[in-house]
Amino acid sequence: MCGAVPAAMMLLAINIGGWIMAMELYLNPLISVLAGILILVIPRFLNYIVAFYLIVSGVAGLMLHI
């Protein structure tokens, strides 16, 4: 992947036995799925889950511009 890095993407490089494996983790879809599951399991915490999602997604988006 060349050029600009999309917002809320994390690149990981893992060294396994001399081999370097690079992984791209897109945080927004992962956080959205986790928030959705938590809302289904514990609906009374909806306000907290939505607030946490907004904070984490906003910080992840801002980290690329710092």
C-alpha atoms as a PDB file:
ATOM      1  CA  MET A   1       0.000   0.000   0.000  1.00  0.00           C
ATOM      2  CA  CYS A   2       1.530   3.289  -1.024  1.00  0.00           C
ATOM      3  CA  GLY A   3       0.422   6.853  -0.566  1.00  0.00           C
ATOM      4  CA  ALA A   4      -1.630   8.223   2.288  1.00  0.00           C
ATOM      5  CA  VAL A   5      -2.594   5.956   5.143  1.00  0.00           C
ATOM      6  CA  PRO A   6      -6.376   5.752   5.666  1.00  0.00           C
ATOM      7  CA  ALA A   7      -7.745   7.140   8.922  1.00  0.00           C
ATOM      8  CA  ALA A   8      -7.824   4.784  11.889  1.00  0.00           C
ATOM      9  CA  MET A   9      -5.480   2.181  10.438  1.00  0.00           C
ATOM     10  CA  MET A  10      -2.731   0.587  12.493  1.00  0.00           C
ATOM     11  CA  LEU A  11       0.268  -1.131  10.963  1.00  0.00           C
ATOM     12  CA  LEU A  12       1.887  -3.928  12.941  1.00  0.00           C
ATOM     13  CA  ALA A  13       5.190  -5.582  12.133  1.00  0.00           C
ATOM     14  CA  ILE A  14       5.787  -8.910  13.853  1.00  0.00           C
ATOM     15  CA  ASN A  15       9.112 -10.747  13.786  1.00  0.00           C
ATOM     16  CA  ILE A  16       8.508 -14.508  13.785  1.00  0.00           C
ATOM     17  CA  GLY A  17      11.590 -16.670  13.508  1.00  0.00           C
ATOM     18  CA  GLY A  18      13.471 -14.223  11.296  1.00  0.00           C
ATOM     19  CA  TRP A  19      10.419 -13.543   9.096  1.00  0.00           C
ATOM     20  CA  ILE A  20       8.747 -10.167   9.374  1.00  0.00           C
ATOM     21  CA  MET A  21       5.004 -10.239   8.937  1.00  0.00           C
ATOM     22  CA  ALA A  22       3.137  -6.958   8.460  1.00  0.00           C
ATOM     23  CA  MET A  23      -0.542  -6.661   9.315  1.00  0.00           C
ATOM     24  CA  GLU A  24      -2.933  -3.795   8.723  1.00  0.00           C
ATOM     25  CA  LEU A  25      -5.634  -3.375  11.325  1.00  0.00           C
ATOM     26  CA  TYR A  26      -8.518  -1.091  10.518  1.00  0.00           C
ATOM     27  CA  LEU A  27      -9.750   0.137  13.877  1.00  0.00           C
ATOM     28  CA  ASN A  28     -13.130   1.665  13.004  1.00  0.00           C
ATOM     29  CA  PRO A  29     -14.767  -1.555  11.747  1.00  0.00           C
ATOM     30  CA  LEU A  30     -13.316  -3.528  14.663  1.00  0.00           C
ATOM     31  CA  ILE A  31     -14.553  -1.002  17.220  1.00  0.00           C
ATOM     32  CA  SER A  32     -17.977  -0.859  15.529  1.00  0.00           C
ATOM     33  CA  VAL A  33     -18.418  -4.630  15.693  1.00  0.00           C
ATOM     34  CA  LEU A  34     -17.377  -4.753  19.348  1.00  0.00           C
ATOM     35  CA  ALA A  35     -19.694  -1.851  20.231  1.00  0.00           C
ATOM     36  CA  GLY A  36     -22.601  -3.508  18.406  1.00  0.00           C
ATOM     37  CA  ILE A  37     -22.080  -6.784  20.235  1.00  0.00           C
ATOM     38  CA  LEU A  38     -21.874  -4.999  23.583  1.00  0.00           C
ATOM     39  CA  ILE A  39     -25.087  -3.066  22.855  1.00  0.00           C
ATOM     40  CA  LEU A  40     -26.884  -6.329  22.040  1.00  0.00           C
ATOM     41  CA  VAL A  41     -25.575  -8.086  25.147  1.00  0.00           C
ATOM     42  CA  ILE A  42     -25.835  -5.187  27.622  1.00  0.00           C
ATOM     43  CA  PRO A  43     -28.364  -2.634  26.267  1.00  0.00           C
ATOM     44  CA  ARG A  44     -28.515  -0.634  29.506  1.00  0.00           C
ATOM     45  CA  PHE A  45     -24.929   0.566  28.861  1.00  0.00           C
ATOM     46  CA  LEU A  46     -25.848   2.064  25.466  1.00  0.00           C
ATOM     47  CA  ASN A  47     -24.812   5.620  26.413  1.00  0.00           C
ATOM     48  CA  TYR A  48     -21.416   4.515  27.704  1.00  0.00           C
ATOM     49  CA  ILE A  49     -20.711   2.267  24.718  1.00  0.00           C
ATOM     50  CA  VAL A  50     -21.606   4.993  22.203  1.00  0.00           C
ATOM     51  CA  ALA A  51     -19.521   7.566  24.090  1.00  0.00           C
ATOM     52  CA  PHE A  52     -16.542   5.183  24.232  1.00  0.00           C
ATOM     53  CA  TYR A  53     -16.877   4.447  20.501  1.00  0.00           C
ATOM     54  CA  LEU A  54     -16.966   8.141  19.601  1.00  0.00           C
ATOM     55  CA  ILE A  55     -13.944   8.941  21.770  1.00  0.00           C
ATOM     56  CA  VAL A  56     -11.827   6.044  20.481  1.00  0.00           C
ATOM     57  CA  SER A  57     -12.751   6.639  16.840  1.00  0.00           C
ATOM     58  CA  GLY A  58     -12.035  10.366  17.177  1.00  0.00           C
ATOM     59  CA  VAL A  59      -8.660   9.813  18.819  1.00  0.00           C
ATOM     60  CA  ALA A  60      -7.712   7.215  16.195  1.00  0.00           C
ATOM     61  CA  GLY A  61      -8.587   9.660  13.426  1.00  0.00           C
ATOM     62  CA  LEU A  62      -6.625  12.486  15.051  1.00  0.00           C
ATOM     63  CA  MET A  63      -3.499  10.384  15.641  1.00  0.00           C
ATOM     64  CA  LEU A  64      -2.733  10.425  11.928  1.00  0.00           C
ATOM     65  CA  HIS A  65      -2.757  14.230  11.841  1.00  0.00           C
ATOM     66  CA  ILE A  66      -0.400  14.810  14.779  1.00  0.00           C
END
